[in-house]
Amino acid sequence: MDVPSDEPTEPTGAEPVPLVEPADGVPPVVADASSLRRAAEALAGATGPVAVDTERASGYRYSQRAYLVQLRREGAGTVLVDPIALGGRLDPLVQALDGTEWVLHAASQDLPCLAELGLRPSALFDTELAGRLAGFERVALGTLVERLLGYRLEKGHGAADWSRRPLPADWLNYAALDVELLVELRDVLEQELKRQGKLEWALEEFEAARLAPLPRPRAEPWRRTSGIHRIRNPRQLAAVRALWEARDALARERDIAPGRVLPDAALVDAAVRGPADEAALLALPVFRGRAQRRMVGVWLGALQRAAALPKSELPEPSQQHDGPPPANRWADKDPAAAARLAAARTALTAVAEANNLPVENLLLPDLVRRTCWQPPADVSPEGVAAALREGGARTWQITLTADVLSEALTPSPEP
């Protein structure tokens, strides 16, 4: 009797077939209420899971709204919906998809903008997450389709400005191809997960992704400005913060990506140089441009506000965290915690390798750090399991990790 292997199925080695257009052609974009009703009726009368994808305009727009929604279901074919033309009113589609299983790739990227449109799945299958749990090292949609289905998808427009209207024909072709084989990929991955005995793990992960709340806003998002690591002076940090906040307000008002209003490098440069007047500011790279000359009063005003702040209102050199400090400081701050973390990482890596899983999917690194920094009072397997469950770990993760974490957290006996 053959024992199922945890190693993912190997590809056949055949040359992949280029898939340059959908089998049924690119459908017209649904952009009015009557077309939406007809599309919804077709989807409601079709069968099986629904492949779903969205196109946003990240890098061009401030918002993360969906500018195109792609759907495909057996019996209905592919549907391309323009939510902007429809004013975001997709009620017929919401009703048509109620109770269906959605198939998405990297669902966490698409679910928030779909929820803005009232679209929420009753059940979910995430092909990217399935690929990770099945042990595939590369889980991009095109890579999985090529390896498991033998087709090479058309590429090239994922980072385009999807707020553009009308959408070019080749962009729509690309968008339709993203859902062309998604259900077929789902079916192959489901069989692979069954073969490896991991399907129940995946179903737990899919449900957790489906029910995940929206990420909380960062306490100090300006600290993520690229290049800010060069600055330690609190007054200069205040200048970065003031410029970032001024830029963010403009970007939000105009619905433009902040980096297109003013690049991060310009914020940091102005904060470091501290120009005293308009002439000095306009002499800096980037600020010499026509667009920035028109906004010079905004940027100079932000710098002047930062310069006038009392010391008590200046930002701390580093962000305050509600969790443990960075792991590279543990050895100095708490050697025992550092030893626990090292033991836990070694043990979890071994478990992940034994089950052909990425260690970050076995257990979230942040949960591992928090548990090692401040272990539960009861470090027995049962106590650790309870702490992991409270931290959001799924049943399958707890089953695989509670024993080894308990051992890592148990103090070594005194010599």
Protein backbone atom coordinates (compact mmCIF):
# COMPACT_ATOMS: atom_id res chain seq x y z
CA MET A 1 0.00 0.00 0.00
CA ASP A 2 1.38 3.42 -0.96
CA VAL A 3 1.64 5.99 1.81
CA PRO A 4 0.58 9.52 0.73
CA SER A 5 3.51 11.90 0.56
CA ASP A 6 3.50 15.43 1.88
CA GLU A 7 5.56 16.50 -1.11
CA PRO A 8 3.45 18.35 -3.70
CA THR A 9 2.74 16.61 -6.97
CA GLU A 10 5.54 17.12 -9.48
CA PRO A 11 4.75 18.79 -12.83
CA THR A 12 4.66 16.65 -15.96
CA GLY A 13 7.51 18.57 -17.57
CA ALA A 14 5.48 19.31 -20.72
CA GLU A 15 5.86 22.77 -22.24
CA PRO A 16 3.01 24.99 -20.93
CA VAL A 17 0.40 26.14 -23.45
CA PRO A 18 0.19 29.95 -23.75
CA LEU A 19 -3.28 31.19 -22.79
CA VAL A 20 -3.54 34.56 -24.49
CA GLU A 21 -7.31 35.05 -24.48
CA PRO A 22 -10.36 33.55 -22.73
CA ALA A 23 -11.93 30.52 -24.40
CA ASP A 24 -15.24 32.37 -24.87
CA GLY A 25 -13.66 35.72 -25.68
CA VAL A 26 -13.73 38.84 -23.53
CA PRO A 27 -17.29 39.72 -22.50
CA PRO A 28 -18.58 43.31 -22.61
CA VAL A 29 -18.18 45.19 -19.34
CA VAL A 30 -21.31 45.36 -17.20
CA ALA A 31 -21.75 49.08 -16.64
CA ASP A 32 -25.51 49.70 -16.32
CA ALA A 33 -28.35 48.41 -14.16
CA SER A 34 -30.08 46.28 -16.82
CA SER A 35 -26.82 44.54 -17.80
CA LEU A 36 -26.11 43.92 -14.12
CA ARG A 37 -29.50 42.24 -13.63
CA ARG A 38 -28.94 39.96 -16.62
CA ALA A 39 -25.44 39.04 -15.44
CA ALA A 40 -26.70 38.36 -11.92
CA GLU A 41 -29.47 36.11 -13.26
CA ALA A 42 -26.94 34.15 -15.30
CA LEU A 43 -24.63 33.69 -12.30
CA ALA A 44 -27.51 32.69 -10.03
CA GLY A 45 -28.65 30.05 -12.53
CA ALA A 46 -25.15 28.59 -12.97
CA THR A 47 -23.52 25.87 -10.87
CA GLY A 48 -20.48 25.28 -8.72
CA PRO A 49 -18.03 27.69 -7.09
CA VAL A 50 -17.62 31.25 -8.34
CA ALA A 51 -14.17 32.49 -9.34
CA VAL A 52 -13.74 36.08 -8.12
CA ASP A 53 -11.04 38.69 -8.62
CA THR A 54 -10.75 42.47 -8.51
CA GLU A 55 -8.55 45.11 -10.06
CA ARG A 56 -7.61 48.16 -8.00
CA ALA A 57 -5.46 51.20 -8.74
CA SER A 58 -2.83 50.88 -6.04
CA GLY A 59 0.00 53.29 -6.69
CA TYR A 60 -2.34 55.63 -8.55
CA ARG A 61 -5.27 56.23 -6.19
CA TYR A 62 -5.50 56.87 -2.47
CA SER A 63 -8.44 54.52 -2.01
CA GLN A 64 -8.21 50.76 -2.34
CA ARG A 65 -11.62 50.45 -3.98
CA ALA A 66 -12.30 47.93 -6.72
CA TYR A 67 -12.37 49.43 -10.21
CA LEU A 68 -13.27 46.13 -11.86
CA VAL A 69 -14.79 42.93 -10.48
CA GLN A 70 -14.29 39.70 -12.44
CA LEU A 71 -16.46 36.63 -11.89
CA ARG A 72 -16.73 33.25 -13.59
CA ARG A 73 -19.06 30.33 -12.93
CA GLU A 74 -19.82 27.14 -14.80
CA GLY A 75 -22.83 27.78 -17.01
CA ALA A 76 -22.54 31.57 -16.90
CA GLY A 77 -19.07 32.16 -18.25
CA THR A 78 -17.06 35.24 -17.30
CA VAL A 79 -18.64 38.48 -16.10
CA LEU A 80 -16.72 41.77 -15.88
CA VAL A 81 -18.41 44.38 -13.68
CA ASP A 82 -17.55 48.09 -13.51
CA PRO A 83 -18.56 49.12 -9.97
CA ILE A 84 -17.64 52.76 -10.63
CA ALA A 85 -20.10 53.13 -13.50
CA LEU A 86 -22.73 51.44 -11.33
CA GLY A 87 -22.13 53.80 -8.43
CA GLY A 88 -21.16 50.85 -6.23
CA ARG A 89 -24.76 49.58 -6.25
CA LEU A 90 -24.43 45.86 -6.90
CA ASP A 91 -27.49 44.50 -5.06
CA PRO A 92 -28.49 42.01 -7.81
CA LEU A 93 -24.99 40.58 -7.72
CA VAL A 94 -25.01 40.38 -3.92
CA GLN A 95 -28.22 38.34 -4.07
CA ALA A 96 -27.00 36.12 -6.91
CA LEU A 97 -23.82 35.15 -5.05
CA ASP A 98 -25.48 34.55 -1.68
CA GLY A 99 -24.71 31.05 -0.43
CA THR A 100 -22.05 30.32 -3.05
CA GLU A 101 -18.43 29.34 -2.51
CA TRP A 102 -15.98 31.94 -3.79
CA VAL A 103 -12.59 31.05 -5.18
CA LEU A 104 -9.99 33.81 -4.87
CA HIS A 105 -6.24 33.96 -5.12
CA ALA A 106 -4.71 35.81 -2.14
CA ALA A 107 -8.17 36.55 -0.79
CA SER A 108 -7.03 38.99 1.91
CA GLN A 109 -6.08 41.46 -0.84
CA ASP A 110 -9.53 41.44 -2.45
CA LEU A 111 -12.02 40.84 0.35
CA PRO A 112 -11.86 44.37 1.85
CA CYS A 113 -12.70 46.15 -1.41
CA LEU A 114 -15.40 43.57 -2.20
CA ALA A 115 -16.92 44.15 1.23
CA GLU A 116 -17.12 47.87 0.43
CA LEU A 117 -19.49 46.85 -2.38
CA GLY A 118 -21.58 44.65 -0.08
CA LEU A 119 -20.03 41.47 -1.49
CA ARG A 120 -19.08 38.95 1.19
CA PRO A 121 -18.54 35.22 0.62
CA SER A 122 -20.59 32.56 2.37
CA ALA A 123 -17.67 30.14 1.88
CA LEU A 124 -14.14 30.66 0.60
CA PHE A 125 -11.35 28.76 -1.13
CA ASP A 126 -8.07 30.68 -1.39
CA THR A 127 -5.81 29.15 -4.04
CA GLU A 128 -2.71 31.01 -2.87
CA LEU A 129 -3.16 29.84 0.71
CA ALA A 130 -3.93 26.34 -0.52
CA GLY A 131 -0.68 26.34 -2.48
CA ARG A 132 1.28 27.39 0.61
CA LEU A 133 -0.27 24.67 2.75
CA ALA A 134 0.39 22.11 0.01
CA GLY A 135 4.08 22.98 0.17
CA PHE A 136 4.61 24.79 -3.13
CA GLU A 137 7.50 27.22 -2.85
CA ARG A 138 6.10 29.62 -5.48
CA VAL A 139 2.41 30.38 -5.21
CA ALA A 140 1.75 33.24 -7.63
CA LEU A 141 -1.37 32.57 -9.69
CA GLY A 142 0.53 32.26 -12.97
CA THR A 143 3.08 29.91 -11.43
CA LEU A 144 0.46 27.55 -9.97
CA VAL A 145 -1.61 27.55 -13.17
CA GLU A 146 1.48 26.72 -15.20
CA ARG A 147 2.65 23.99 -12.85
CA LEU A 148 -0.66 22.31 -12.10
CA LEU A 149 -2.78 22.99 -15.19
CA GLY A 150 -0.15 23.35 -17.90
CA TYR A 151 -1.13 26.82 -19.12
CA ARG A 152 0.89 30.02 -19.20
CA LEU A 153 -1.26 33.06 -18.43
CA GLU A 154 -0.95 36.39 -20.20
CA LYS A 155 0.84 38.92 -17.99
CA GLY A 156 1.47 42.61 -17.93
CA HIS A 157 -1.32 44.76 -16.47
CA GLY A 158 -1.60 43.88 -12.78
CA ALA A 159 -0.02 47.17 -11.69
CA ALA A 160 -1.90 49.34 -14.19
CA ASP A 161 -4.12 52.30 -13.35
CA TRP A 162 -7.47 50.52 -13.34
CA SER A 163 -9.29 53.78 -12.58
CA ARG A 164 -8.70 54.73 -16.23
CA ARG A 165 -11.80 54.88 -18.41
CA PRO A 166 -12.44 53.43 -20.87
CA LEU A 167 -10.42 50.37 -19.93
CA PRO A 168 -8.22 49.21 -22.85
CA ALA A 169 -9.17 45.94 -24.54
CA ASP A 170 -5.89 44.22 -23.65
CA TRP A 171 -6.40 45.09 -19.97
CA LEU A 172 -9.86 43.51 -20.03
CA ASN A 173 -8.40 40.43 -21.70
CA TYR A 174 -5.84 40.17 -18.89
CA ALA A 175 -8.55 40.64 -16.24
CA ALA A 176 -10.76 37.93 -17.74
CA LEU A 177 -7.87 35.47 -17.85
CA ASP A 178 -7.35 35.91 -14.09
CA VAL A 179 -10.59 34.01 -13.44
CA GLU A 180 -10.54 31.75 -16.51
CA LEU A 181 -8.89 28.78 -14.74
CA LEU A 182 -9.36 29.67 -11.08
CA VAL A 183 -12.03 27.02 -10.37
CA GLU A 184 -10.00 24.34 -12.18
CA LEU A 185 -6.99 25.33 -10.08
CA ARG A 186 -9.13 25.13 -6.94
CA ASP A 187 -10.15 21.56 -7.79
CA VAL A 188 -6.59 20.39 -8.39
CA LEU A 189 -5.37 22.01 -5.17
CA GLU A 190 -8.22 20.47 -3.21
CA GLN A 191 -7.22 17.03 -4.42
CA GLU A 192 -3.58 17.74 -3.56
CA LEU A 193 -4.52 18.84 -0.05
CA LYS A 194 -6.64 15.71 0.37
CA ARG A 195 -3.75 13.56 -0.79
CA GLN A 196 -1.48 15.15 1.81
CA GLY A 197 -4.09 14.95 4.58
CA LYS A 198 -4.22 18.76 4.87
CA LEU A 199 -7.66 19.64 3.54
CA GLU A 200 -9.16 20.15 7.01
CA TRP A 201 -6.26 22.47 7.86
CA ALA A 202 -6.95 24.47 4.72
CA LEU A 203 -10.67 24.72 5.43
CA GLU A 204 -9.89 26.18 8.86
CA GLU A 205 -7.55 28.71 7.27
CA PHE A 206 -10.09 29.67 4.61
CA GLU A 207 -12.77 30.27 7.21
CA ALA A 208 -10.40 32.36 9.32
CA ALA A 209 -9.56 34.46 6.24
CA ARG A 210 -13.25 34.84 5.40
CA LEU A 211 -14.11 36.09 8.89
CA ALA A 212 -10.96 38.16 9.49
CA PRO A 213 -11.70 41.74 10.57
CA LEU A 214 -10.27 44.64 8.64
CA PRO A 215 -6.72 45.55 9.73
CA ARG A 216 -6.63 48.22 12.40
CA PRO A 217 -5.13 51.55 11.33
CA ARG A 218 -1.51 51.94 12.38
CA ALA A 219 -0.91 54.16 15.39
CA GLU A 220 1.81 56.18 13.66
CA PRO A 221 1.63 55.41 9.94
CA TRP A 222 4.06 58.21 9.08
CA ARG A 223 6.87 56.12 10.59
CA ARG A 224 6.65 53.85 7.54
CA THR A 225 8.02 56.62 5.33
CA SER A 226 10.75 55.10 3.19
CA GLY A 227 14.19 56.30 4.32
CA ILE A 228 13.06 57.47 7.76
CA HIS A 229 15.61 55.14 9.33
CA ARG A 230 18.20 57.82 8.48
CA ILE A 231 16.61 60.16 11.02
CA ARG A 232 17.01 59.99 14.79
CA ASN A 233 16.69 63.69 15.65
CA PRO A 234 13.19 64.25 17.20
CA ARG A 235 12.83 67.67 15.55
CA GLN A 236 13.52 66.18 12.13
CA LEU A 237 11.11 63.33 12.87
CA ALA A 238 8.48 65.95 13.67
CA ALA A 239 9.14 67.50 10.25
CA VAL A 240 8.64 64.14 8.52
CA ARG A 241 5.41 63.66 10.45
CA ALA A 242 4.11 67.12 9.55
CA LEU A 243 4.96 66.72 5.87
CA TRP A 244 3.47 63.21 5.81
CA GLU A 245 0.22 64.42 7.38
CA ALA A 246 -0.04 67.36 4.96
CA ARG A 247 0.59 65.03 2.02
CA ASP A 248 -1.90 62.46 3.29
CA ALA A 249 -4.66 65.06 3.60
CA LEU A 250 -4.06 66.22 0.03
CA ALA A 251 -3.89 62.65 -1.29
CA ARG A 252 -7.12 61.66 0.46
CA GLU A 253 -8.94 64.76 -0.79
CA ARG A 254 -7.82 64.21 -4.38
CA ASP A 255 -7.91 60.40 -4.28
CA ILE A 256 -4.32 60.20 -5.47
CA ALA A 257 -1.67 57.80 -4.17
CA PRO A 258 0.44 59.77 -1.64
CA GLY A 259 3.68 58.97 -3.43
CA ARG A 260 2.34 60.72 -6.52
CA VAL A 261 1.67 63.86 -4.52
CA LEU A 262 5.20 63.94 -3.10
CA PRO A 263 7.66 61.01 -2.94
CA ASP A 264 8.91 59.74 0.42
CA ALA A 265 12.48 60.67 -0.46
CA ALA A 266 11.46 64.32 -0.77
CA LEU A 267 9.83 64.28 2.67
CA VAL A 268 12.95 62.89 4.30
CA ASP A 269 15.27 65.23 2.38
CA ALA A 270 13.29 68.33 3.40
CA ALA A 271 13.17 67.16 7.03
CA VAL A 272 16.94 66.64 7.15
CA ARG A 273 17.85 69.90 5.38
CA GLY A 274 15.28 72.05 7.20
CA PRO A 275 14.87 74.86 4.63
CA ALA A 276 14.05 78.14 6.35
CA ASP A 277 12.08 79.80 3.56
CA GLU A 278 10.39 79.19 0.20
CA ALA A 279 13.55 79.83 -1.80
CA ALA A 280 15.52 77.26 0.18
CA LEU A 281 12.72 74.70 -0.12
CA LEU A 282 12.32 75.23 -3.86
CA ALA A 283 16.06 74.70 -4.29
CA LEU A 284 15.71 71.08 -3.17
CA PRO A 285 15.33 68.26 -5.71
CA VAL A 286 11.67 67.40 -6.49
CA PHE A 287 10.44 70.68 -4.98
CA ARG A 288 11.78 72.50 -8.04
CA GLY A 289 9.05 70.99 -10.19
CA ARG A 290 6.01 72.93 -11.33
CA ALA A 291 3.54 70.89 -9.26
CA GLN A 292 5.54 71.35 -6.04
CA ARG A 293 6.07 75.05 -6.66
CA ARG A 294 2.28 75.46 -6.60
CA MET A 295 2.16 73.62 -3.24
CA VAL A 296 5.20 75.26 -1.66
CA GLY A 297 3.08 77.04 0.94
CA VAL A 298 1.62 73.73 2.14
CA TRP A 299 5.02 72.08 2.53
CA LEU A 300 6.70 75.09 4.09
CA GLY A 301 3.79 75.52 6.50
CA ALA A 302 4.18 71.90 7.63
CA LEU A 303 7.91 72.40 8.22
CA GLN A 304 7.30 75.60 10.17
CA ARG A 305 4.69 73.93 12.38
CA ALA A 306 7.14 71.15 13.20
CA ALA A 307 9.89 73.68 13.96
CA ALA A 308 7.61 75.53 16.39
CA LEU A 309 6.58 72.49 18.43
CA PRO A 310 7.62 72.44 22.10
CA LYS A 311 9.95 69.59 23.06
CA SER A 312 7.13 67.85 24.91
CA GLU A 313 5.26 67.35 21.63
CA LEU A 314 8.15 65.98 19.59
CA PRO A 315 7.90 62.30 18.60
CA GLU A 316 9.97 59.65 20.31
CA PRO A 317 13.01 58.45 18.34
CA SER A 318 11.37 55.05 17.91
CA GLN A 319 7.78 53.88 17.90
CA GLN A 320 6.25 52.56 21.10
CA HIS A 321 5.03 48.97 20.76
CA ASP A 322 2.27 47.20 22.65
CA GLY A 323 4.08 43.92 22.24
CA PRO A 324 7.57 42.61 22.89
CA PRO A 325 10.66 44.50 21.74
CA PRO A 326 12.45 43.52 18.52
CA ALA A 327 13.84 40.02 18.88
CA ASN A 328 17.43 41.15 18.29
CA ARG A 329 17.29 43.00 21.62
CA TRP A 330 16.00 40.13 23.70
CA ALA A 331 19.40 38.78 24.68
CA ASP A 332 20.18 42.05 26.48
CA LYS A 333 16.73 42.75 27.90
CA ASP A 334 15.69 39.22 28.93
CA PRO A 335 18.15 36.37 28.25
CA ALA A 336 15.63 33.76 29.42
CA ALA A 337 13.07 35.00 26.90
CA ALA A 338 15.71 34.97 24.17
CA ALA A 339 16.48 31.35 25.01
CA ARG A 340 12.78 30.46 24.90
CA LEU A 341 12.40 32.10 21.51
CA ALA A 342 15.45 30.33 20.07
CA ALA A 343 14.16 26.96 21.32
CA ALA A 344 10.68 27.66 19.99
CA ARG A 345 11.94 28.69 16.57
CA THR A 346 14.08 25.57 16.28
CA ALA A 347 11.20 23.31 17.30
CA LEU A 348 8.66 25.00 15.03
CA THR A 349 11.01 24.90 12.06
CA ALA A 350 11.37 21.14 12.55
CA VAL A 351 7.57 20.69 12.71
CA ALA A 352 7.09 22.84 9.61
CA GLU A 353 9.69 20.90 7.65
CA ALA A 354 8.20 17.58 8.72
CA ASN A 355 4.81 18.69 7.40
CA ASN A 356 6.16 20.50 4.31
CA LEU A 357 4.76 23.86 5.43
CA PRO A 358 6.12 27.40 5.56
CA VAL A 359 6.86 28.03 9.23
CA GLU A 360 4.94 31.33 9.12
CA ASN A 361 1.81 29.39 8.13
CA LEU A 362 2.36 26.87 10.88
CA LEU A 363 2.08 29.63 13.48
CA LEU A 364 2.14 33.41 13.10
CA PRO A 365 5.59 34.75 14.03
CA ASP A 366 4.04 37.56 16.10
CA LEU A 367 2.10 35.05 18.19
CA VAL A 368 5.29 33.01 18.71
CA ARG A 369 7.18 36.11 19.90
CA ARG A 370 4.41 37.21 22.25
CA THR A 371 4.09 33.73 23.73
CA CYS A 372 7.83 33.44 24.30
CA TRP A 373 8.21 36.95 25.73
CA GLN A 374 5.39 36.49 28.23
CA PRO A 375 4.56 32.78 28.56
CA PRO A 376 1.26 31.69 30.07
CA ALA A 377 1.29 30.86 33.78
CA ASP A 378 0.61 27.26 32.83
CA VAL A 379 3.21 26.06 30.32
CA SER A 380 1.85 22.55 30.10
CA PRO A 381 0.66 21.52 26.62
CA GLU A 382 -2.90 22.25 27.74
CA GLY A 383 -1.97 25.69 29.05
CA VAL A 384 -0.01 26.54 25.91
CA ALA A 385 -2.90 25.32 23.74
CA ALA A 386 -5.27 27.65 25.60
CA ALA A 387 -2.88 30.60 25.15
CA LEU A 388 -2.49 29.89 21.42
CA ARG A 389 -6.25 29.62 20.99
CA GLU A 390 -6.71 32.97 22.71
CA GLY A 391 -4.10 34.42 20.36
CA GLY A 392 -6.09 33.32 17.31
CA ALA A 393 -4.34 30.07 16.36
CA ARG A 394 -6.47 27.49 14.58
CA THR A 395 -7.14 23.99 15.90
CA TRP A 396 -4.79 22.32 13.43
CA GLN A 397 -1.98 24.71 14.34
CA ILE A 398 -2.46 24.11 18.04
CA THR A 399 -2.47 20.33 17.53
CA LEU A 400 0.88 20.49 15.74
CA THR A 401 2.63 23.02 17.99
CA ALA A 402 1.34 22.97 21.57
CA ASP A 403 3.59 20.11 22.72
CA VAL A 404 6.82 21.47 21.23
CA LEU A 405 6.10 25.00 22.42
CA SER A 406 5.37 23.70 25.90
CA GLU A 407 8.79 22.09 25.95
CA ALA A 408 10.45 25.27 24.67
CA LEU A 409 8.73 27.39 27.33
CA THR A 410 9.43 25.08 30.25
CA PRO A 411 12.37 26.39 32.29
CA SER A 412 15.42 24.13 32.28
CA PRO A 413 16.10 22.51 35.64
CA GLU A 414 18.79 24.14 37.74
CA PRO A 415 22.15 22.28 37.49
